[in-house]
C-alpha atoms as a PDB file:
ATOM      1  CA  MET A   1      -1.242  12.746  13.378  1.00  0.00           C
ATOM      2  CA  SER A   2      -1.752  10.611  16.477  1.00  0.00           C
ATOM      3  CA  ASN A   3       0.150   7.536  17.533  1.00  0.00           C
ATOM      4  CA  ILE A   4      -1.192   4.319  16.039  1.00  0.00           C
ATOM      5  CA  ASP A   5      -2.195   1.451  18.313  1.00  0.00           C
ATOM      6  CA  TYR A   6       0.231  -0.825  16.489  1.00  0.00           C
ATOM      7  CA  LYS A   7      -1.014  -4.031  18.145  1.00  0.00           C
ATOM      8  CA  ALA A   8      -4.555  -3.429  16.885  1.00  0.00           C
ATOM      9  CA  TRP A   9      -3.247  -2.138  13.553  1.00  0.00           C
ATOM     10  CA  MET A  10      -1.284  -5.275  12.726  1.00  0.00           C
ATOM     11  CA  GLU A  11      -4.252  -7.516  13.566  1.00  0.00           C
ATOM     12  CA  GLN A  12      -5.973  -6.362  10.392  1.00  0.00           C
ATOM     13  CA  PRO A  13      -6.397  -9.213   7.902  1.00  0.00           C
ATOM     14  CA  ARG A  14      -3.654  -9.829   5.393  1.00  0.00           C
ATOM     15  CA  MET A  15      -4.531  -9.561   1.726  1.00  0.00           C
ATOM     16  CA  LEU A  16      -3.720 -12.657  -0.301  1.00  0.00           C
ATOM     17  CA  ASN A  17      -5.183 -13.398  -3.714  1.00  0.00           C
ATOM     18  CA  GLU A  18      -4.098 -13.830  -7.323  1.00  0.00           C
ATOM     19  CA  ARG A  19      -3.738 -10.139  -8.055  1.00  0.00           C
ATOM     20  CA  CYS A  20      -2.013  -8.898  -4.912  1.00  0.00           C
ATOM     21  CA  ARG A  21      -0.837  -9.615  -1.407  1.00  0.00           C
ATOM     22  CA  GLY A  22      -0.194  -7.209   1.434  1.00  0.00           C
ATOM     23  CA  LEU A  23      -0.100  -6.631   5.164  1.00  0.00           C
ATOM     24  CA  PRO A  24       0.520  -4.035   7.889  1.00  0.00           C
ATOM     25  CA  LEU A  25       4.118  -4.458   9.073  1.00  0.00           C
ATOM     26  CA  VAL A  26       5.274  -3.313  12.520  1.00  0.00           C
ATOM     27  CA  TRP A  27       8.837  -2.670  13.731  1.00  0.00           C
ATOM     28  CA  THR A  28       9.255  -1.779  17.401  1.00  0.00           C
ATOM     29  CA  PRO A  29      12.509  -0.212  18.675  1.00  0.00           C
ATOM     30  CA  ASP A  30      13.456  -3.332  20.668  1.00  0.00           C
ATOM     31  CA  VAL A  31      13.796  -5.761  17.717  1.00  0.00           C
ATOM     32  CA  LYS A  32      16.102  -6.151  14.720  1.00  0.00           C
ATOM     33  CA  TRP A  33      13.484  -6.636  11.997  1.00  0.00           C
ATOM     34  CA  PHE A  34       9.735  -6.306  11.459  1.00  0.00           C
ATOM     35  CA  ASN A  35       7.899  -7.975  14.358  1.00  0.00           C
ATOM     36  CA  ASN A  36       5.286  -9.726  12.215  1.00  0.00           C
ATOM     37  CA  ASP A  37       7.229 -10.603   9.056  1.00  0.00           C
ATOM     38  CA  TRP A  38       7.378 -14.389   9.001  1.00  0.00           C
ATOM     39  CA  LEU A  39      10.381 -14.320   6.622  1.00  0.00           C
ATOM     40  CA  GLY A  40      12.671 -12.549   9.086  1.00  0.00           C
ATOM     41  CA  PRO A  41      15.524 -10.351   7.803  1.00  0.00           C
ATOM     42  CA  THR A  42      15.325 -11.036   4.068  1.00  0.00           C
ATOM     43  CA  PRO A  43      16.537  -8.398   1.595  1.00  0.00           C
ATOM     44  CA  HIS A  44      14.953  -9.371  -1.718  1.00  0.00           C
ATOM     45  CA  VAL A  45      13.791  -8.643  -5.258  1.00  0.00           C
ATOM     46  CA  HIS A  46      10.370  -9.113  -6.855  1.00  0.00           C
ATOM     47  CA  ASP A  47      10.850 -10.300 -10.423  1.00  0.00           C
ATOM     48  CA  ASP A  48       8.112  -8.871 -12.665  1.00  0.00           C
ATOM     49  CA  ALA A  49       6.149  -7.493  -9.686  1.00  0.00           C
ATOM     50  CA  THR A  50       5.981  -4.151  -7.859  1.00  0.00           C
ATOM     51  CA  GLU A  51       5.833  -3.457  -4.134  1.00  0.00           C
ATOM     52  CA  ILE A  52       4.342  -0.253  -2.767  1.00  0.00           C
ATOM     53  CA  GLY A  53       4.988   0.978   0.749  1.00  0.00           C
ATOM     54  CA  PHE A  54       3.172   3.551   2.856  1.00  0.00           C
ATOM     55  CA  LEU A  55       4.899   4.677   6.042  1.00  0.00           C
ATOM     56  CA  ALA A  56       1.950   5.358   8.342  1.00  0.00           C
ATOM     57  CA  GLN A  57       4.169   5.988  11.366  1.00  0.00           C
ATOM     58  CA  GLY A  58       7.861   6.230  12.196  1.00  0.00           C
ATOM     59  CA  SER A  59      10.982   6.336  10.027  1.00  0.00           C
ATOM     60  CA  LEU A  60      12.778   3.723   7.959  1.00  0.00           C
ATOM     61  CA  GLU A  61      15.992   3.793   5.992  1.00  0.00           C
ATOM     62  CA  ILE A  62      15.271   1.845   2.817  1.00  0.00           C
ATOM     63  CA  GLN A  63      17.483   0.827  -0.076  1.00  0.00           C
ATOM     64  CA  ILE A  64      15.562   0.390  -3.329  1.00  0.00           C
ATOM     65  CA  GLY A  65      17.675  -0.371  -6.391  1.00  0.00           C
ATOM     66  CA  GLY A  66      20.411   2.258  -6.486  1.00  0.00           C
ATOM     67  CA  SER A  67      18.778   4.633  -3.992  1.00  0.00           C
ATOM     68  CA  LYS A  68      19.040   4.674  -0.213  1.00  0.00           C
ATOM     69  CA  ARG A  69      17.231   7.250   1.902  1.00  0.00           C
ATOM     70  CA  VAL A  70      15.419   7.747   5.196  1.00  0.00           C
ATOM     71  CA  TYR A  71      11.645   7.825   4.705  1.00  0.00           C
ATOM     72  CA  LYS A  72       9.345   9.586   7.147  1.00  0.00           C
ATOM     73  CA  THR A  73       5.712   9.369   8.237  1.00  0.00           C
ATOM     74  CA  GLY A  74       3.416   9.899   5.258  1.00  0.00           C
ATOM     75  CA  ASP A  75       5.859   8.762   2.580  1.00  0.00           C
ATOM     76  CA  PHE A  76       4.443   6.562  -0.181  1.00  0.00           C
ATOM     77  CA  MET A  77       6.954   4.752  -2.388  1.00  0.00           C
ATOM     78  CA  ILE A  78       7.168   2.502  -5.433  1.00  0.00           C
ATOM     79  CA  MET A  79       9.644  -0.399  -5.337  1.00  0.00           C
ATOM     80  CA  PRO A  80       9.866  -1.224  -9.048  1.00  0.00           C
ATOM     81  CA  PRO A  81      10.135  -4.736 -10.481  1.00  0.00           C
ATOM     82  CA  ASN A  82      13.562  -6.343 -10.364  1.00  0.00           C
ATOM     83  CA  LYS A  83      14.941  -3.844  -7.828  1.00  0.00           C
ATOM     84  CA  TYR A  84      16.645  -4.958  -4.615  1.00  0.00           C
ATOM     85  CA  HIS A  85      15.178  -3.614  -1.381  1.00  0.00           C
ATOM     86  CA  ASN A  86      16.295  -3.750   2.229  1.00  0.00           C
ATOM     87  CA  TYR A  87      15.203  -1.952   5.427  1.00  0.00           C
ATOM     88  CA  TRP A  88      16.769  -0.460   8.562  1.00  0.00           C
ATOM     89  CA  PHE A  89      14.996   0.980  11.594  1.00  0.00           C
ATOM     90  CA  ALA A  90      15.502   4.745  11.940  1.00  0.00           C
ATOM     91  CA  GLY A  91      14.546   7.072  14.756  1.00  0.00           C
ATOM     92  CA  ASP A  92      12.980   5.937  18.035  1.00  0.00           C
ATOM     93  CA  GLU A  93       9.276   5.578  17.176  1.00  0.00           C
ATOM     94  CA  THR A  94       7.489   2.294  16.444  1.00  0.00           C
ATOM     95  CA  VAL A  95       7.168   1.875  12.677  1.00  0.00           C
ATOM     96  CA  CYS A  96       3.832   1.043  11.014  1.00  0.00           C
ATOM     97  CA  PHE A  97       4.493   0.208   7.365  1.00  0.00           C
ATOM     98  CA  PHE A  98       1.738  -0.859   4.957  1.00  0.00           C
ATOM     99  CA  VAL A  99       2.911  -2.875   1.935  1.00  0.00           C
ATOM    100  CA  VAL A 100       1.222  -4.400  -1.109  1.00  0.00           C
ATOM    101  CA  VAL A 101       2.846  -6.508  -3.848  1.00  0.00           C
ATOM    102  CA  ALA A 102       1.281  -7.022  -7.282  1.00  0.00           C
ATOM    103  CA  PRO A 103       0.929  -9.266  -9.102  1.00  0.00           C
ATOM    104  CA  ASN A 104       1.123 -12.124  -6.616  1.00  0.00           C
ATOM    105  CA  HIS A 105       3.164 -14.679  -8.563  1.00  0.00           C
ATOM    106  CA  LYS A 106       2.674 -18.059  -6.924  1.00  0.00           C
ATOM    107  CA  HIS A 107       5.806 -19.477  -8.529  1.00  0.00           C
ATOM    108  CA  ASN A 108       8.131 -16.591  -7.596  1.00  0.00           C
ATOM    109  CA  ARG A 109       6.895 -14.347  -4.796  1.00  0.00           C
ATOM    110  CA  LEU A 110      10.371 -13.033  -4.094  1.00  0.00           C
ATOM    111  CA  ARG A 111      14.037 -13.758  -4.781  1.00  0.00           C
ATOM    112  CA  HIS A 112      16.561 -13.418  -1.955  1.00  0.00           C
ATOM    113  CA  LYS A 113      19.752 -14.543  -3.679  1.00  0.00           C
ATOM    114  CA  ASP A 114      21.632 -14.516  -6.993  1.00  0.00           C
ATOM    115  CA  PHE A 115      21.295 -10.749  -7.304  1.00  0.00           C
ATOM    116  CA  THR A 116      22.619  -9.168 -10.514  1.00  0.00           C
ATOM    117  CA  PRO A 117      24.085  -5.674 -11.062  1.00  0.00           C
ATOM    118  CA  ASP A 118      20.833  -4.313 -12.532  1.00  0.00           C
ATOM    119  CA  ASN A 119      19.056  -5.168  -9.269  1.00  0.00           C
ATOM    120  CA  TYR A 120      21.082  -2.379  -7.620  1.00  0.00           C
ATOM    121  CA  GLU A 121      20.346   0.312 -10.216  1.00  0.00           C
ATOM    122  CA  GLY A 122      17.656   2.966 -10.548  1.00  0.00           C
ATOM    123  CA  ASP A 123      15.708   5.203  -8.205  1.00  0.00           C
ATOM    124  CA  ALA A 124      12.470   4.762  -6.250  1.00  0.00           C
ATOM    125  CA  PRO A 125       9.631   7.194  -7.031  1.00  0.00           C
ATOM    126  CA  TYR A 126       7.995   8.513  -3.855  1.00  0.00           C
ATOM    127  CA  ALA A 127       5.821  11.307  -2.483  1.00  0.00           C
ATOM    128  CA  ASN A 128       4.456  12.308   0.907  1.00  0.00           C
ATOM    129  CA  VAL A 129       0.660  12.163   1.196  1.00  0.00           C
ATOM    130  CA  TYR A 130       0.644  15.115   3.598  1.00  0.00           C
ATOM    131  CA  GLU A 131       2.693  17.302   1.253  1.00  0.00           C
ATOM    132  CA  SER A 132       1.689  16.247  -2.280  1.00  0.00           C
ATOM    133  CA  GLU A 133      -1.612  15.854  -4.145  1.00  0.00           C
ATOM    134  CA  THR A 134      -0.184  13.223  -6.519  1.00  0.00           C
ATOM    135  CA  LEU A 135       1.348   9.814  -5.877  1.00  0.00           C
ATOM    136  CA  PRO A 136       3.673   7.784  -8.116  1.00  0.00           C
ATOM    137  CA  SER A 137       2.245   4.919 -10.178  1.00  0.00           C
ATOM    138  CA  ASN A 138       3.567   2.316 -12.592  1.00  0.00           C
ATOM    139  CA  GLU A 139       2.374  -0.625 -14.684  1.00  0.00           C
ATOM    140  CA  HIS A 140       1.187  -2.582 -11.621  1.00  0.00           C
ATOM    141  CA  PHE A 141      -0.399   0.143  -9.490  1.00  0.00           C
ATOM    142  CA  LYS A 142      -2.431   3.213 -10.312  1.00  0.00           C
ATOM    143  CA  ALA A 143      -2.052   5.188  -7.082  1.00  0.00           C
ATOM    144  CA  GLU A 144      -4.144   8.233  -6.211  1.00  0.00           C
ATOM    145  CA  LYS A 145      -4.634  10.450  -3.191  1.00  0.00           C
ATOM    146  CA  VAL A 146      -8.356  11.158  -2.839  1.00  0.00           C
ATOM    147  CA  THR A 147      -9.895  13.871  -0.635  1.00  0.00           C
ATOM    148  CA  LEU A 148     -13.636  14.032   0.082  1.00  0.00           C
ATOM    149  CA  GLN A 149     -15.301  16.791   2.055  1.00  0.00           C
ATOM    150  CA  PRO A 150     -17.924  15.997   4.762  1.00  0.00           C
ATOM    151  CA  GLY A 151     -20.927  14.338   3.144  1.00  0.00           C
ATOM    152  CA  GLU A 152     -19.175  13.991  -0.223  1.00  0.00           C
ATOM    153  CA  SER A 153     -19.117  10.618  -2.032  1.00  0.00           C
ATOM    154  CA  GLU A 154     -17.092   9.087  -4.837  1.00  0.00           C
ATOM    155  CA  GLY A 155     -20.219   7.642  -6.409  1.00  0.00           C
ATOM    156  CA  GLN A 156     -20.633   3.942  -7.011  1.00  0.00           C
ATOM    157  CA  ARG A 157     -17.825   2.268  -8.947  1.00  0.00           C
ATOM    158  CA  LYS A 158     -17.099  -1.199 -10.285  1.00  0.00           C
ATOM    159  CA  LEU A 159     -13.791  -2.282 -11.815  1.00  0.00           C
ATOM    160  CA  ASP A 160     -14.166  -5.059 -14.361  1.00  0.00           C
ATOM    161  CA  THR A 161     -10.675  -6.607 -14.212  1.00  0.00           C
ATOM    162  CA  GLN A 162      -8.793  -4.834 -11.430  1.00  0.00           C
ATOM    163  CA  ASP A 163      -8.799  -5.154  -7.665  1.00  0.00           C
ATOM    164  CA  ARG A 164      -8.759  -1.961  -5.617  1.00  0.00           C
ATOM    165  CA  VAL A 165      -7.199  -1.282  -2.222  1.00  0.00           C
ATOM    166  CA  ILE A 166      -8.340   1.649  -0.090  1.00  0.00           C
ATOM    167  CA  TYR A 167      -6.174   2.919   2.792  1.00  0.00           C
ATOM    168  CA  ILE A 168      -7.652   5.623   5.041  1.00  0.00           C
ATOM    169  CA  VAL A 169      -5.071   8.295   5.899  1.00  0.00           C
ATOM    170  CA  ASN A 170      -7.279  10.815   7.738  1.00  0.00           C
ATOM    171  CA  GLY A 171     -10.949  11.006   8.621  1.00  0.00           C
ATOM    172  CA  SER A 172     -13.703   8.411   8.613  1.00  0.00           C
ATOM    173  CA  ALA A 173     -15.189   6.647   5.578  1.00  0.00           C
ATOM    174  CA  GLN A 174     -18.547   4.987   5.126  1.00  0.00           C
ATOM    175  CA  ILE A 175     -17.704   2.214   2.705  1.00  0.00           C
ATOM    176  CA  GLN A 176     -20.226   0.043   0.872  1.00  0.00           C
ATOM    177  CA  VAL A 177     -18.813  -3.097  -0.784  1.00  0.00           C
ATOM    178  CA  ASN A 178     -21.519  -4.926  -2.696  1.00  0.00           C
ATOM    179  CA  THR A 179     -24.244  -5.547  -0.056  1.00  0.00           C
ATOM    180  CA  LEU A 180     -21.981  -5.026   2.976  1.00  0.00           C
ATOM    181  CA  GLY A 181     -21.257  -1.665   4.568  1.00  0.00           C
ATOM    182  CA  GLY A 182     -19.486  -0.129   7.509  1.00  0.00           C
ATOM    183  CA  VAL A 183     -17.226   2.666   8.739  1.00  0.00           C
ATOM    184  CA  LEU A 184     -13.508   2.570   8.040  1.00  0.00           C
ATOM    185  CA  ALA A 185     -11.393   4.666  10.411  1.00  0.00           C
ATOM    186  CA  ALA A 186      -7.950   6.171   9.872  1.00  0.00           C
ATOM    187  CA  ASN A 187      -5.143   3.650   9.293  1.00  0.00           C
ATOM    188  CA  ARG A 188      -7.584   0.927   8.247  1.00  0.00           C
ATOM    189  CA  TYR A 189      -7.734  -0.552   4.772  1.00  0.00           C
ATOM    190  CA  GLN A 190     -10.076  -2.525   2.556  1.00  0.00           C
ATOM    191  CA  LEU A 191      -9.483  -4.806  -0.429  1.00  0.00           C
ATOM    192  CA  ILE A 192     -12.232  -4.534  -3.046  1.00  0.00           C
ATOM    193  CA  PRO A 193     -12.168  -7.453  -5.531  1.00  0.00           C
ATOM    194  CA  ALA A 194     -12.712  -6.880  -9.244  1.00  0.00           C
ATOM    195  CA  THR A 195     -16.368  -6.821 -10.414  1.00  0.00           C
ATOM    196  CA  THR A 196     -17.545  -5.684  -6.942  1.00  0.00           C
ATOM    197  CA  PRO A 197     -19.759  -2.563  -6.819  1.00  0.00           C
ATOM    198  CA  HIS A 198     -18.534  -0.181  -4.128  1.00  0.00           C
ATOM    199  CA  GLN A 199     -18.991   3.339  -2.849  1.00  0.00           C
ATOM    200  CA  ILE A 200     -16.986   5.525  -0.454  1.00  0.00           C
ATOM    201  CA  THR A 201     -18.506   8.468   1.418  1.00  0.00           C
ATOM    202  CA  ASN A 202     -17.055  10.867   3.970  1.00  0.00           C
ATOM    203  CA  ALA A 203     -18.836   9.880   7.183  1.00  0.00           C
ATOM    204  CA  GLY A 204     -17.223  12.483   9.446  1.00  0.00           C
ATOM    205  CA  PHE A 205     -16.979  16.214  10.043  1.00  0.00           C
ATOM    206  CA  GLU A 206     -13.471  16.698   8.647  1.00  0.00           C
ATOM    207  CA  PRO A 207     -11.943  16.041   5.218  1.00  0.00           C
ATOM    208  CA  LEU A 208     -11.538  12.351   4.390  1.00  0.00           C
ATOM    209  CA  VAL A 209      -8.173  11.509   2.818  1.00  0.00           C
ATOM    210  CA  TYR A 210      -7.381   8.058   1.483  1.00  0.00           C
ATOM    211  CA  ILE A 211      -4.979   6.260  -0.825  1.00  0.00           C
ATOM    212  CA  SER A 212      -6.605   4.437  -3.738  1.00  0.00           C
ATOM    213  CA  LEU A 213      -4.601   1.635  -5.344  1.00  0.00           C
ATOM    214  CA  ILE A 214      -5.966   0.087  -8.527  1.00  0.00           C
ATOM    215  CA  VAL A 215      -4.121  -3.196  -9.047  1.00  0.00           C
ATOM    216  CA  THR A 216      -3.370  -4.434 -12.548  1.00  0.00           C
ATOM    217  CA  ASP A 217      -4.722  -7.865 -13.376  1.00  0.00           C
ATOM    218  CA  PRO A 218      -1.700 -10.163 -13.937  1.00  0.00           C
ATOM    219  CA  PHE A 219      -3.428 -11.967 -16.790  1.00  0.00           C
ATOM    220  CA  THR A 220      -4.359  -9.007 -18.965  1.00  0.00           C
ATOM    221  CA  ALA A 221      -2.692  -5.872 -20.244  1.00  0.00           C
ATOM    222  CA  ASN A 222      -6.007  -4.080 -20.681  1.00  0.00           C
ATOM    223  CA  PRO A 223      -6.359  -0.578 -19.251  1.00  0.00           C
ATOM    224  CA  VAL A 224      -8.544   0.070 -16.241  1.00  0.00           C
ATOM    225  CA  LEU A 225     -12.186  -0.578 -17.092  1.00  0.00           C
ATOM    226  CA  GLU A 226     -14.897   0.628 -14.776  1.00  0.00           C
ATOM    227  CA  HIS A 227     -18.537   1.466 -14.504  1.00  0.00           C
ATOM    228  CA  GLU A 228     -19.834   4.497 -12.640  1.00  0.00           C
ATOM    229  CA  GLU A 229     -23.465   4.552 -11.607  1.00  0.00           C
END
């Protein structure tokens, strides 16, 4: 694992649509909160929505519901609906923290006051992508760790009602999204809207490892529907 160029990393486009929103957060040792979080220090709850976090670099102490622990590089966590979460810088390395919230409720994106006792209960499922082959999921995210060997491809896929987010952990991916294609390097991500044909292929000489997030459509309770060609 090499150090991330955090300035280039956080210039990646934010994701903002009806199904989900997300961004690459950075916390350098010289500040008191995430450098590029426009809200500032805001412990909060997402009512009826889930937030996932992937710690690409550094360490954070995070309270989620009734749990509080120090997370390390490679940790992937679920912050369940209606559970309070707050963050503290840990260690001495710049933090790169990728987050996605789904669904993206326009009327209630977060709540930062009037917390109730149940907001402080429960645990936060998590796993480390470098140590585990499975990642936690819930009703808003189907999370998978995918590994492709050099030259191997997923095959073309198309999700009918779900968006998909791909985050490259290691290696280099040739990604085709509808008629557009390109190479996605480590610590880069791509949002793939529902109904969009796409294909991911290992474009390098080492194993390609990426996180696949299938995002539940907020307007339907249908299971994941997809076509493979």
